[in-house]
Amino acid sequence: MQVDVVVLTKNSQHLLNQCLNSVYKNVPVKNLIVIDGYSTDHTLMILEKFNRKYGNVKLFQIKGSRAKARTEGIKKVTTDWFMFVDSDVLLCKDWFKKVQLDLSDTVGAVWGNNVDVLPNIKNKQILRFQLLVAKQCFKLRGGMHDTLILHKAVEGIQIPEALHAYEDAYLIHWIENHGYEAKVGSQIYCLHYKPPENWNIKNGISQAIIELRCGLVYSHLFEYMLFYPVFFLYWALQLPLNGFRNR
């Protein structure tokens, strides 16, 4: 079985090459569907390189929110199952082979655990705690870092364009409301390498504002916010590594 893989990009050169290598190595890709927000860095050059090698990169450029990009990506899908893969993650070995263990007639989506890579954190207990937090967060608001989705479970979806964040929660709720299960994979995961600029003060405040604005749509927002101190700790631990940048 081959699947379409949808990737959203916008100035994503940071890890895109490594990300796509992990996708093609661990997933039987029919089409790599890229929804690009008019990148101005080397993103398009990287995509062209992969198209020359595999001949199946479908590039579409649009302006708008992440919600609009995901909706457009779904519309381009041609396979029974498809994947969303973030442009700053690396899939674990044999991701697609391992996810087969989690599929059944009732499953509409399987999410691979998202492991945020914190370069200056090596403590195994902290990493285990991080995995536990990630699983609980998925149950509250979903996630699309590395997710296999049944196409018919999202047919007709139109994610509200205002959701530049929490569009993943909308997707998961849609799937569950249509009678399917959205579950955490038993053996699959991805390593999430956020760009260095994501760890500065200005960006941290900006992302928090977006989360709050978009999250007000969902009644579970305040429960999810209980995890904010943990996210702040992850962010704060990176400040020394990045020189307390505020640009």
Protein backbone atom coordinates (compact mmCIF):
# COMPACT_ATOMS: atom_id res chain seq x y z
CA MET A 1 0.00 0.00 0.00
CA GLN A 2 1.29 3.42 -1.00
CA VAL A 3 0.18 6.63 0.70
CA ASP A 4 0.27 10.30 -0.15
CA VAL A 5 2.29 12.38 2.30
CA VAL A 6 1.28 15.99 2.94
CA VAL A 7 3.94 18.42 4.15
CA LEU A 8 3.37 22.10 4.94
CA THR A 9 6.33 24.40 4.32
CA LYS A 10 7.23 28.04 4.70
CA ASN A 11 10.92 28.88 4.85
CA SER A 12 11.50 25.34 6.10
CA GLN A 13 15.09 24.77 4.99
CA HIS A 14 16.19 24.18 8.62
CA LEU A 15 15.51 20.42 8.57
CA LEU A 16 13.58 19.80 5.36
CA ASN A 17 16.26 17.76 3.61
CA GLN A 18 16.69 15.39 6.55
CA CYS A 19 12.93 15.25 7.09
CA LEU A 20 12.19 14.18 3.53
CA ASN A 21 15.00 11.64 3.58
CA SER A 22 13.36 10.03 6.62
CA VAL A 23 9.97 10.09 4.89
CA TYR A 24 11.14 8.39 1.70
CA LYS A 25 13.19 5.88 3.69
CA ASN A 26 10.39 4.82 6.04
CA VAL A 27 7.12 5.39 4.13
CA PRO A 28 5.93 4.04 0.74
CA VAL A 29 5.24 7.45 -0.81
CA LYS A 30 2.90 7.69 -3.79
CA ASN A 31 2.89 11.50 -3.92
CA LEU A 32 4.66 14.02 -1.74
CA ILE A 33 2.08 16.82 -1.59
CA VAL A 34 3.71 20.06 -0.46
CA ILE A 35 1.60 23.07 0.49
CA ASP A 36 4.04 25.96 0.56
CA GLY A 37 3.46 29.45 1.92
CA TYR A 38 5.68 31.15 -0.69
CA SER A 39 9.03 30.29 0.86
CA THR A 40 11.91 32.68 0.19
CA ASP A 41 14.77 30.54 1.52
CA HIS A 42 16.13 27.30 0.00
CA THR A 43 12.94 25.30 0.60
CA LEU A 44 11.93 25.17 -3.07
CA MET A 45 15.43 24.14 -4.14
CA ILE A 46 15.32 21.23 -1.71
CA LEU A 47 11.92 20.16 -3.01
CA GLU A 48 13.15 20.30 -6.60
CA LYS A 49 16.07 18.06 -5.67
CA PHE A 50 13.70 15.42 -4.29
CA ASN A 51 11.45 15.71 -7.32
CA ARG A 52 14.40 15.06 -9.61
CA LYS A 53 15.20 11.95 -7.57
CA TYR A 54 11.70 10.52 -7.05
CA GLY A 55 9.51 12.33 -9.60
CA ASN A 56 6.47 12.51 -7.32
CA VAL A 57 6.65 15.89 -5.57
CA LYS A 58 3.46 17.91 -6.09
CA LEU A 59 4.00 21.54 -5.08
CA PHE A 60 1.15 23.96 -4.42
CA GLN A 61 1.69 27.50 -3.15
CA ILE A 62 -1.03 29.32 -1.23
CA LYS A 63 -1.38 32.24 1.13
CA GLY A 64 -3.25 31.75 4.37
CA SER A 65 -3.20 30.03 7.74
CA ARG A 66 -2.03 26.56 8.66
CA ALA A 67 -5.69 25.53 8.76
CA LYS A 68 -6.17 26.54 5.13
CA ALA A 69 -2.97 24.74 4.15
CA ARG A 70 -4.08 21.50 5.80
CA THR A 71 -7.51 21.69 4.16
CA GLU A 72 -5.90 22.22 0.75
CA GLY A 73 -3.51 19.34 1.37
CA ILE A 74 -6.38 16.98 2.15
CA LYS A 75 -8.15 18.01 -1.06
CA LYS A 76 -5.09 16.94 -3.08
CA VAL A 77 -4.88 13.44 -1.54
CA THR A 78 -5.45 10.52 -3.93
CA THR A 79 -4.89 7.50 -1.65
CA ASP A 80 -7.12 5.67 0.86
CA TRP A 81 -4.72 6.54 3.67
CA PHE A 82 -2.41 9.53 3.81
CA MET A 83 0.06 11.14 6.17
CA PHE A 84 0.70 14.57 7.56
CA VAL A 85 4.40 15.04 8.36
CA ASP A 86 5.79 18.26 9.79
CA SER A 87 8.81 19.67 7.98
CA ASP A 88 10.95 19.77 11.14
CA VAL A 89 10.66 16.14 12.25
CA LEU A 90 12.52 12.91 11.55
CA LEU A 91 10.48 9.70 11.42
CA CYS A 92 11.62 6.69 13.39
CA LYS A 93 12.97 3.65 11.55
CA ASP A 94 10.27 1.51 9.88
CA TRP A 95 7.57 4.04 10.82
CA PHE A 96 5.05 2.77 8.26
CA LYS A 97 5.76 -0.88 8.95
CA LYS A 98 5.26 -0.38 12.69
CA VAL A 99 2.03 1.62 12.36
CA GLN A 100 0.31 -1.41 10.81
CA LEU A 101 0.03 -2.85 14.32
CA ASP A 102 -2.32 0.00 15.27
CA LEU A 103 -4.75 -0.20 12.34
CA SER A 104 -8.25 -1.65 12.44
CA ASP A 105 -11.67 -1.01 10.92
CA THR A 106 -12.49 1.51 13.65
CA VAL A 107 -9.29 3.58 13.40
CA GLY A 108 -9.35 6.90 11.55
CA ALA A 109 -5.98 8.31 12.60
CA VAL A 110 -2.77 7.15 14.25
CA TRP A 111 -0.33 9.68 15.68
CA GLY A 112 3.34 8.93 16.25
CA ASN A 113 4.62 10.25 19.55
CA ASN A 114 6.34 13.61 19.18
CA VAL A 115 9.71 13.79 20.94
CA ASP A 116 10.97 17.37 21.19
CA VAL A 117 14.75 17.23 20.89
CA LEU A 118 16.30 19.46 23.55
CA PRO A 119 20.02 19.57 22.70
CA ASN A 120 21.21 20.21 26.25
CA ILE A 121 18.92 17.67 27.94
CA LYS A 122 20.14 14.06 28.16
CA ASN A 123 18.51 12.86 31.40
CA LYS A 124 16.45 9.74 30.64
CA GLN A 125 13.89 10.48 33.35
CA ILE A 126 13.19 13.89 31.83
CA LEU A 127 12.83 12.29 28.39
CA ARG A 128 10.36 9.70 29.73
CA PHE A 129 8.38 12.47 31.41
CA GLN A 130 8.40 14.37 28.12
CA LEU A 131 6.89 11.36 26.32
CA LEU A 132 4.16 11.07 28.95
CA VAL A 133 3.31 14.77 28.58
CA ALA A 134 3.21 14.46 24.79
CA LYS A 135 0.74 11.56 24.96
CA GLN A 136 -1.54 13.43 27.35
CA CYS A 137 -1.42 16.55 25.18
CA PHE A 138 -2.47 14.53 22.14
CA LYS A 139 -5.52 13.27 24.02
CA LEU A 140 -6.48 16.88 24.77
CA ARG A 141 -5.74 18.68 21.52
CA GLY A 142 -4.42 16.28 18.93
CA GLY A 143 -1.27 16.64 16.86
CA MET A 144 -0.18 16.27 13.25
CA HIS A 145 3.61 15.89 13.56
CA ASP A 146 3.58 12.38 12.04
CA THR A 147 0.03 11.17 11.60
CA LEU A 148 -1.52 8.50 9.37
CA ILE A 149 -5.13 9.36 8.47
CA LEU A 150 -7.94 7.46 6.76
CA HIS A 151 -8.95 9.66 3.83
CA LYS A 152 -12.68 8.96 4.05
CA ALA A 153 -12.62 9.95 7.74
CA VAL A 154 -11.88 13.57 6.74
CA GLU A 155 -13.83 13.85 3.50
CA GLY A 156 -15.61 17.19 3.25
CA ILE A 157 -13.70 18.79 6.09
CA GLN A 158 -13.23 22.55 5.95
CA ILE A 159 -11.02 23.64 8.82
CA PRO A 160 -11.86 27.22 9.93
CA GLU A 161 -9.16 29.39 8.39
CA ALA A 162 -8.77 31.40 11.60
CA LEU A 163 -7.16 28.37 13.26
CA HIS A 164 -3.48 28.99 12.65
CA ALA A 165 -3.03 26.85 15.76
CA TYR A 166 -5.37 24.14 17.07
CA GLU A 167 -6.18 23.13 13.51
CA ASP A 168 -4.86 19.72 14.58
CA ALA A 169 -7.45 19.60 17.37
CA TYR A 170 -10.20 20.41 14.87
CA LEU A 171 -9.03 17.56 12.64
CA ILE A 172 -8.98 15.02 15.47
CA HIS A 173 -12.41 16.11 16.71
CA TRP A 174 -13.80 15.79 13.18
CA ILE A 175 -12.46 12.23 12.87
CA GLU A 176 -13.86 11.19 16.25
CA ASN A 177 -17.22 12.86 15.60
CA HIS A 178 -17.53 10.78 12.43
CA GLY A 179 -17.27 7.54 14.36
CA TYR A 180 -13.56 6.77 14.08
CA GLU A 181 -10.87 6.36 16.69
CA ALA A 182 -7.83 8.65 16.81
CA LYS A 183 -5.08 6.92 18.74
CA VAL A 184 -1.45 7.19 19.78
CA GLY A 185 0.72 4.65 17.96
CA SER A 186 2.17 1.88 20.08
CA GLN A 187 5.67 1.87 18.56
CA ILE A 188 5.96 4.91 16.28
CA TYR A 189 7.45 8.30 16.99
CA CYS A 190 9.22 11.25 15.43
CA LEU A 191 12.07 13.44 16.63
CA HIS A 192 11.07 17.10 16.57
CA TYR A 193 13.91 19.56 15.90
CA LYS A 194 12.50 23.05 16.28
CA PRO A 195 14.47 25.77 14.44
CA PRO A 196 16.78 27.75 16.76
CA GLU A 197 14.74 30.93 16.21
CA ASN A 198 11.76 29.20 17.86
CA TRP A 199 13.52 29.41 21.20
CA ASN A 200 13.76 33.20 21.48
CA ILE A 201 11.65 35.39 23.75
CA LYS A 202 9.81 37.28 21.02
CA ASN A 203 8.73 34.12 19.22
CA GLY A 204 7.71 32.45 22.47
CA ILE A 205 5.34 35.29 23.33
CA SER A 206 3.95 35.40 19.79
CA GLN A 207 3.22 31.66 19.77
CA ALA A 208 1.55 31.85 23.18
CA ILE A 209 -0.80 34.59 21.93
CA ILE A 210 -1.73 32.53 18.85
CA GLU A 211 -2.39 29.47 21.02
CA LEU A 212 -4.67 31.44 23.33
CA ARG A 213 -6.62 33.09 20.52
CA CYS A 214 -7.19 29.87 18.61
CA GLY A 215 -7.66 27.71 21.67
CA LEU A 216 -10.65 29.70 22.89
CA VAL A 217 -12.67 27.77 20.30
CA TYR A 218 -12.28 24.62 22.39
CA SER A 219 -13.74 23.99 25.84
CA HIS A 220 -10.73 21.92 26.92
CA LEU A 221 -8.35 24.87 26.51
CA PHE A 222 -7.97 25.49 30.21
CA GLU A 223 -7.20 21.84 30.91
CA TYR A 224 -4.53 21.93 28.20
CA MET A 225 -3.10 25.10 29.73
CA LEU A 226 -2.16 23.08 32.82
CA PHE A 227 0.73 21.80 30.69
CA TYR A 228 2.00 25.30 29.87
CA PRO A 229 4.49 25.35 32.79
CA VAL A 230 6.07 22.22 31.29
CA PHE A 231 6.30 23.83 27.84
CA PHE A 232 7.80 26.95 29.40
CA LEU A 233 10.41 24.78 31.13
CA TYR A 234 11.38 23.18 27.79
CA TRP A 235 11.68 26.64 26.26
CA ALA A 236 13.62 28.13 29.19
CA LEU A 237 16.14 25.29 29.15
CA GLN A 238 17.11 26.34 25.61
CA LEU A 239 17.73 30.01 26.39
CA PRO A 240 21.36 29.54 27.51
CA LEU A 241 22.00 27.42 24.41
CA ASN A 242 20.69 30.18 22.17
CA GLY A 243 22.21 33.13 24.00
CA PHE A 244 18.95 34.61 25.34
CA ARG A 245 18.17 35.91 21.88
CA ASN A 246 15.19 38.23 21.59
CA ARG A 247 15.36 39.01 17.90
